[in-house]
Amino acid sequence: MKTYTTIEELKADVKNGRLDIDDSITINFSFSLAISITAWDITARDITAWNITARNITARDITARNITAWDINAEDINAEDINARDINAGDINAEDINAEDITARDITARDINAWDIKYWAFCCVYKSIFCLSIKAQGEKNLPPVCLDGKLVIKE
């Protein structure tokens, strides 16, 4: 387990725009760096990076071009592409989401491919949603919206 308490410590491990740690990392501060991060598990407050690859990510806010992980737990996620087994987040804004299970308050995406989707109030995609099931959790909610495509419930 590697713990970073300052941005200088983190920058010291960045080589050629990459932070590659073959272990779990904890980052005790918010940061925004144009780097790629690869680690077993990432625990942080706010992460802004180009690409993030990890087994598990736990953070308050995540902003990245690409995120690849088994499990993601965050309040807010903003990314172009998200590939994960399980995503638990308050708000997700992404172009493409590929996941087994998604639990979120709000989801905005171009395409969503998932096993099960649970959303709180509103789920909107630009193209299509492909999933085994989709269900709104909140008392006040709207059905999923596919602007330029369709909702496909796979069997």
C-alpha atoms as a PDB file:
ATOM      1  CA  MET A   1       0.000   0.000   0.000  1.00  0.00           C
ATOM      2  CA  LYS A   2       1.393   3.365  -1.057  1.00  0.00           C
ATOM      3  CA  THR A   3       0.062   6.585   0.488  1.00  0.00           C
ATOM      4  CA  TYR A   4       0.599  10.023  -1.016  1.00  0.00           C
ATOM      5  CA  THR A   5       0.219  12.990   1.319  1.00  0.00           C
ATOM      6  CA  THR A   6       1.575  15.714  -1.003  1.00  0.00           C
ATOM      7  CA  ILE A   7       1.468  16.441  -4.716  1.00  0.00           C
ATOM      8  CA  GLU A   8       5.283  16.436  -4.735  1.00  0.00           C
ATOM      9  CA  GLU A   9       5.356  12.797  -3.538  1.00  0.00           C
ATOM     10  CA  LEU A  10       2.919  11.822  -6.263  1.00  0.00           C
ATOM     11  CA  LYS A  11       4.795  13.733  -8.991  1.00  0.00           C
ATOM     12  CA  ALA A  12       8.053  12.025  -7.931  1.00  0.00           C
ATOM     13  CA  ASP A  13       6.562   8.642  -8.957  1.00  0.00           C
ATOM     14  CA  VAL A  14       5.237   9.894 -12.323  1.00  0.00           C
ATOM     15  CA  LYS A  15       7.424   8.742 -15.211  1.00  0.00           C
ATOM     16  CA  ASN A  16       6.722   9.756 -18.823  1.00  0.00           C
ATOM     17  CA  GLY A  17       3.252  11.009 -17.912  1.00  0.00           C
ATOM     18  CA  ARG A  18       2.299   7.777 -16.116  1.00  0.00           C
ATOM     19  CA  LEU A  19       1.829   6.771 -12.495  1.00  0.00           C
ATOM     20  CA  ASP A  20       2.208   2.970 -12.553  1.00  0.00           C
ATOM     21  CA  ILE A  21       2.018   1.387  -9.105  1.00  0.00           C
ATOM     22  CA  ASP A  22       1.803  -2.403  -8.720  1.00  0.00           C
ATOM     23  CA  ASP A  23      -0.039  -2.017  -5.414  1.00  0.00           C
ATOM     24  CA  SER A  24      -2.944  -0.137  -3.855  1.00  0.00           C
ATOM     25  CA  ILE A  25      -2.647   3.633  -3.480  1.00  0.00           C
ATOM     26  CA  THR A  26      -4.257   6.220  -1.248  1.00  0.00           C
ATOM     27  CA  ILE A  27      -4.097   9.869  -2.247  1.00  0.00           C
ATOM     28  CA  ASN A  28      -4.852  12.177   0.689  1.00  0.00           C
ATOM     29  CA  PHE A  29      -5.493  15.304  -1.388  1.00  0.00           C
ATOM     30  CA  SER A  30      -7.395  16.406  -4.475  1.00  0.00           C
ATOM     31  CA  PHE A  31      -5.368  16.731  -7.656  1.00  0.00           C
ATOM     32  CA  SER A  32      -5.569  17.484 -11.346  1.00  0.00           C
ATOM     33  CA  LEU A  33      -2.708  16.205 -13.490  1.00  0.00           C
ATOM     34  CA  ALA A  34      -2.493  15.301 -17.179  1.00  0.00           C
ATOM     35  CA  ILE A  35      -1.251  11.777 -16.390  1.00  0.00           C
ATOM     36  CA  SER A  36      -2.390   8.182 -16.700  1.00  0.00           C
ATOM     37  CA  ILE A  37      -2.811   6.210 -13.457  1.00  0.00           C
ATOM     38  CA  THR A  38      -2.560   2.437 -13.104  1.00  0.00           C
ATOM     39  CA  ALA A  39      -2.830   0.777  -9.672  1.00  0.00           C
ATOM     40  CA  TRP A  40      -4.562  -2.138  -7.944  1.00  0.00           C
ATOM     41  CA  ASP A  41      -6.881  -0.001  -5.833  1.00  0.00           C
ATOM     42  CA  ILE A  42      -7.211   3.780  -5.759  1.00  0.00           C
ATOM     43  CA  THR A  43      -8.654   5.708  -2.823  1.00  0.00           C
ATOM     44  CA  ALA A  44      -8.744   9.485  -3.212  1.00  0.00           C
ATOM     45  CA  ARG A  45     -10.849  12.609  -2.725  1.00  0.00           C
ATOM     46  CA  ASP A  46     -10.982  14.138  -6.207  1.00  0.00           C
ATOM     47  CA  ILE A  47      -9.115  12.699  -9.189  1.00  0.00           C
ATOM     48  CA  THR A  48      -8.582  14.453 -12.503  1.00  0.00           C
ATOM     49  CA  ALA A  49      -6.352  12.508 -14.895  1.00  0.00           C
ATOM     50  CA  TRP A  50      -6.239  11.351 -18.512  1.00  0.00           C
ATOM     51  CA  ASN A  51      -6.627   7.600 -18.033  1.00  0.00           C
ATOM     52  CA  ILE A  52      -7.323   5.617 -14.863  1.00  0.00           C
ATOM     53  CA  THR A  53      -6.939   1.836 -14.641  1.00  0.00           C
ATOM     54  CA  ALA A  54      -7.505   0.031 -11.359  1.00  0.00           C
ATOM     55  CA  ARG A  55      -9.218  -2.940  -9.791  1.00  0.00           C
ATOM     56  CA  ASN A  56     -11.202  -0.683  -7.430  1.00  0.00           C
ATOM     57  CA  ILE A  57     -11.603   3.100  -7.391  1.00  0.00           C
ATOM     58  CA  THR A  58     -13.104   4.956  -4.442  1.00  0.00           C
ATOM     59  CA  ALA A  59     -13.227   8.722  -4.748  1.00  0.00           C
ATOM     60  CA  ARG A  60     -15.518  11.693  -4.246  1.00  0.00           C
ATOM     61  CA  ASP A  61     -15.152  12.976  -7.818  1.00  0.00           C
ATOM     62  CA  ILE A  62     -13.447  11.353 -10.805  1.00  0.00           C
ATOM     63  CA  THR A  63     -12.711  13.155 -14.082  1.00  0.00           C
ATOM     64  CA  ALA A  64     -10.816  11.238 -16.747  1.00  0.00           C
ATOM     65  CA  ARG A  65     -10.764  10.543 -20.458  1.00  0.00           C
ATOM     66  CA  ASN A  66     -10.895   6.765 -19.889  1.00  0.00           C
ATOM     67  CA  ILE A  67     -11.647   4.753 -16.749  1.00  0.00           C
ATOM     68  CA  THR A  68     -11.149   0.985 -16.549  1.00  0.00           C
ATOM     69  CA  ALA A  69     -11.900  -0.737 -13.247  1.00  0.00           C
ATOM     70  CA  TRP A  70     -13.697  -3.640 -11.613  1.00  0.00           C
ATOM     71  CA  ASP A  71     -15.524  -1.458  -9.111  1.00  0.00           C
ATOM     72  CA  ILE A  72     -16.018   2.314  -9.043  1.00  0.00           C
ATOM     73  CA  ASN A  73     -17.536   4.132  -6.058  1.00  0.00           C
ATOM     74  CA  ALA A  74     -17.805   7.902  -6.411  1.00  0.00           C
ATOM     75  CA  GLU A  75     -20.154  10.818  -5.983  1.00  0.00           C
ATOM     76  CA  ASP A  76     -19.520  12.155  -9.498  1.00  0.00           C
ATOM     77  CA  ILE A  77     -17.850  10.590 -12.536  1.00  0.00           C
ATOM     78  CA  ASN A  78     -17.044  12.507 -15.742  1.00  0.00           C
ATOM     79  CA  ALA A  79     -15.319  10.522 -18.489  1.00  0.00           C
ATOM     80  CA  GLU A  80     -15.392   9.802 -22.203  1.00  0.00           C
ATOM     81  CA  ASP A  81     -15.291   6.022 -21.744  1.00  0.00           C
ATOM     82  CA  ILE A  82     -15.996   3.930 -18.633  1.00  0.00           C
ATOM     83  CA  ASN A  83     -15.395   0.172 -18.561  1.00  0.00           C
ATOM     84  CA  ALA A  84     -16.214  -1.417 -15.217  1.00  0.00           C
ATOM     85  CA  ARG A  85     -17.906  -4.376 -13.596  1.00  0.00           C
ATOM     86  CA  ASP A  86     -19.803  -2.354 -10.986  1.00  0.00           C
ATOM     87  CA  ILE A  87     -20.370   1.408 -10.862  1.00  0.00           C
ATOM     88  CA  ASN A  88     -21.940   3.125  -7.845  1.00  0.00           C
ATOM     89  CA  ALA A  89     -22.120   6.877  -8.272  1.00  0.00           C
ATOM     90  CA  GLY A  90     -24.303   9.884  -7.693  1.00  0.00           C
ATOM     91  CA  ASP A  91     -23.870  11.373 -11.161  1.00  0.00           C
ATOM     92  CA  ILE A  92     -22.301   9.788 -14.241  1.00  0.00           C
ATOM     93  CA  ASN A  93     -21.537  11.800 -17.381  1.00  0.00           C
ATOM     94  CA  ALA A  94     -19.839   9.793 -20.122  1.00  0.00           C
ATOM     95  CA  GLU A  95     -19.917   9.119 -23.836  1.00  0.00           C
ATOM     96  CA  ASP A  96     -19.760   5.333 -23.503  1.00  0.00           C
ATOM     97  CA  ILE A  97     -20.392   3.157 -20.449  1.00  0.00           C
ATOM     98  CA  ASN A  98     -19.768  -0.605 -20.449  1.00  0.00           C
ATOM     99  CA  ALA A  99     -20.554  -2.300 -17.148  1.00  0.00           C
ATOM    100  CA  GLU A 100     -22.261  -5.276 -15.564  1.00  0.00           C
ATOM    101  CA  ASP A 101     -24.125  -3.270 -12.912  1.00  0.00           C
ATOM    102  CA  ILE A 102     -24.713   0.474 -12.607  1.00  0.00           C
ATOM    103  CA  THR A 103     -26.306   2.224  -9.635  1.00  0.00           C
ATOM    104  CA  ALA A 104     -26.547   5.983  -9.972  1.00  0.00           C
ATOM    105  CA  ARG A 105     -28.665   9.018  -9.168  1.00  0.00           C
ATOM    106  CA  ASP A 106     -28.292  10.491 -12.685  1.00  0.00           C
ATOM    107  CA  ILE A 107     -26.763   8.984 -15.826  1.00  0.00           C
ATOM    108  CA  THR A 108     -25.986  10.899 -19.020  1.00  0.00           C
ATOM    109  CA  ALA A 109     -24.248   8.997 -21.813  1.00  0.00           C
ATOM    110  CA  ARG A 110     -24.035   8.393 -25.563  1.00  0.00           C
ATOM    111  CA  ASP A 111     -24.316   4.589 -25.200  1.00  0.00           C
ATOM    112  CA  ILE A 112     -24.841   2.366 -22.170  1.00  0.00           C
ATOM    113  CA  ASN A 113     -24.145  -1.381 -22.246  1.00  0.00           C
ATOM    114  CA  ALA A 114     -24.866  -3.035 -18.902  1.00  0.00           C
ATOM    115  CA  TRP A 115     -26.418  -6.008 -17.163  1.00  0.00           C
ATOM    116  CA  ASP A 116     -28.527  -4.118 -14.647  1.00  0.00           C
ATOM    117  CA  ILE A 117     -29.133  -0.367 -14.388  1.00  0.00           C
ATOM    118  CA  LYS A 118     -30.656   1.345 -11.354  1.00  0.00           C
ATOM    119  CA  TYR A 119     -31.014   5.100 -11.517  1.00  0.00           C
ATOM    120  CA  TRP A 120     -32.557   7.629  -9.186  1.00  0.00           C
ATOM    121  CA  ALA A 121     -34.481  10.202 -11.242  1.00  0.00           C
ATOM    122  CA  PHE A 122     -33.371  10.471 -14.858  1.00  0.00           C
ATOM    123  CA  CYS A 123     -31.454   8.326 -17.356  1.00  0.00           C
ATOM    124  CA  CYS A 124     -30.664   9.879 -20.752  1.00  0.00           C
ATOM    125  CA  VAL A 125     -28.457   8.629 -23.585  1.00  0.00           C
ATOM    126  CA  TYR A 126     -27.777  10.062 -27.004  1.00  0.00           C
ATOM    127  CA  LYS A 127     -27.993   6.711 -28.790  1.00  0.00           C
ATOM    128  CA  SER A 128     -29.108   3.442 -27.164  1.00  0.00           C
ATOM    129  CA  ILE A 129     -29.311   1.531 -23.886  1.00  0.00           C
ATOM    130  CA  PHE A 130     -28.622  -2.216 -23.979  1.00  0.00           C
ATOM    131  CA  CYS A 131     -29.206  -3.999 -20.652  1.00  0.00           C
ATOM    132  CA  LEU A 132     -30.827  -6.946 -18.884  1.00  0.00           C
ATOM    133  CA  SER A 133     -32.891  -4.659 -16.657  1.00  0.00           C
ATOM    134  CA  ILE A 134     -33.411  -0.973 -15.918  1.00  0.00           C
ATOM    135  CA  LYS A 135     -35.262   0.461 -12.954  1.00  0.00           C
ATOM    136  CA  ALA A 136     -35.823   3.916 -11.463  1.00  0.00           C
ATOM    137  CA  GLN A 137     -35.275   4.073  -7.691  1.00  0.00           C
ATOM    138  CA  GLY A 138     -36.665   7.480  -6.719  1.00  0.00           C
ATOM    139  CA  GLU A 139     -40.261   8.317  -5.910  1.00  0.00           C
ATOM    140  CA  LYS A 140     -40.198  11.024  -8.607  1.00  0.00           C
ATOM    141  CA  ASN A 141     -38.559   9.781 -11.801  1.00  0.00           C
ATOM    142  CA  LEU A 142     -38.796   9.678 -15.551  1.00  0.00           C
ATOM    143  CA  PRO A 143     -38.490   6.682 -17.849  1.00  0.00           C
ATOM    144  CA  PRO A 144     -35.157   6.270 -19.673  1.00  0.00           C
ATOM    145  CA  VAL A 145     -34.687   8.542 -22.692  1.00  0.00           C
ATOM    146  CA  CYS A 146     -32.829   7.435 -25.854  1.00  0.00           C
ATOM    147  CA  LEU A 147     -32.534  10.482 -28.116  1.00  0.00           C
ATOM    148  CA  ASP A 148     -31.174   8.868 -31.300  1.00  0.00           C
ATOM    149  CA  GLY A 149     -31.639   5.169 -30.592  1.00  0.00           C
ATOM    150  CA  LYS A 150     -33.642   2.737 -28.534  1.00  0.00           C
ATOM    151  CA  LEU A 151     -33.886   0.881 -25.221  1.00  0.00           C
ATOM    152  CA  VAL A 152     -33.091  -2.816 -25.709  1.00  0.00           C
ATOM    153  CA  ILE A 153     -33.720  -5.226 -22.837  1.00  0.00           C
ATOM    154  CA  LYS A 154     -31.421  -8.202 -23.535  1.00  0.00           C
ATOM    155  CA  GLU A 155     -32.333 -11.732 -22.503  1.00  0.00           C
END
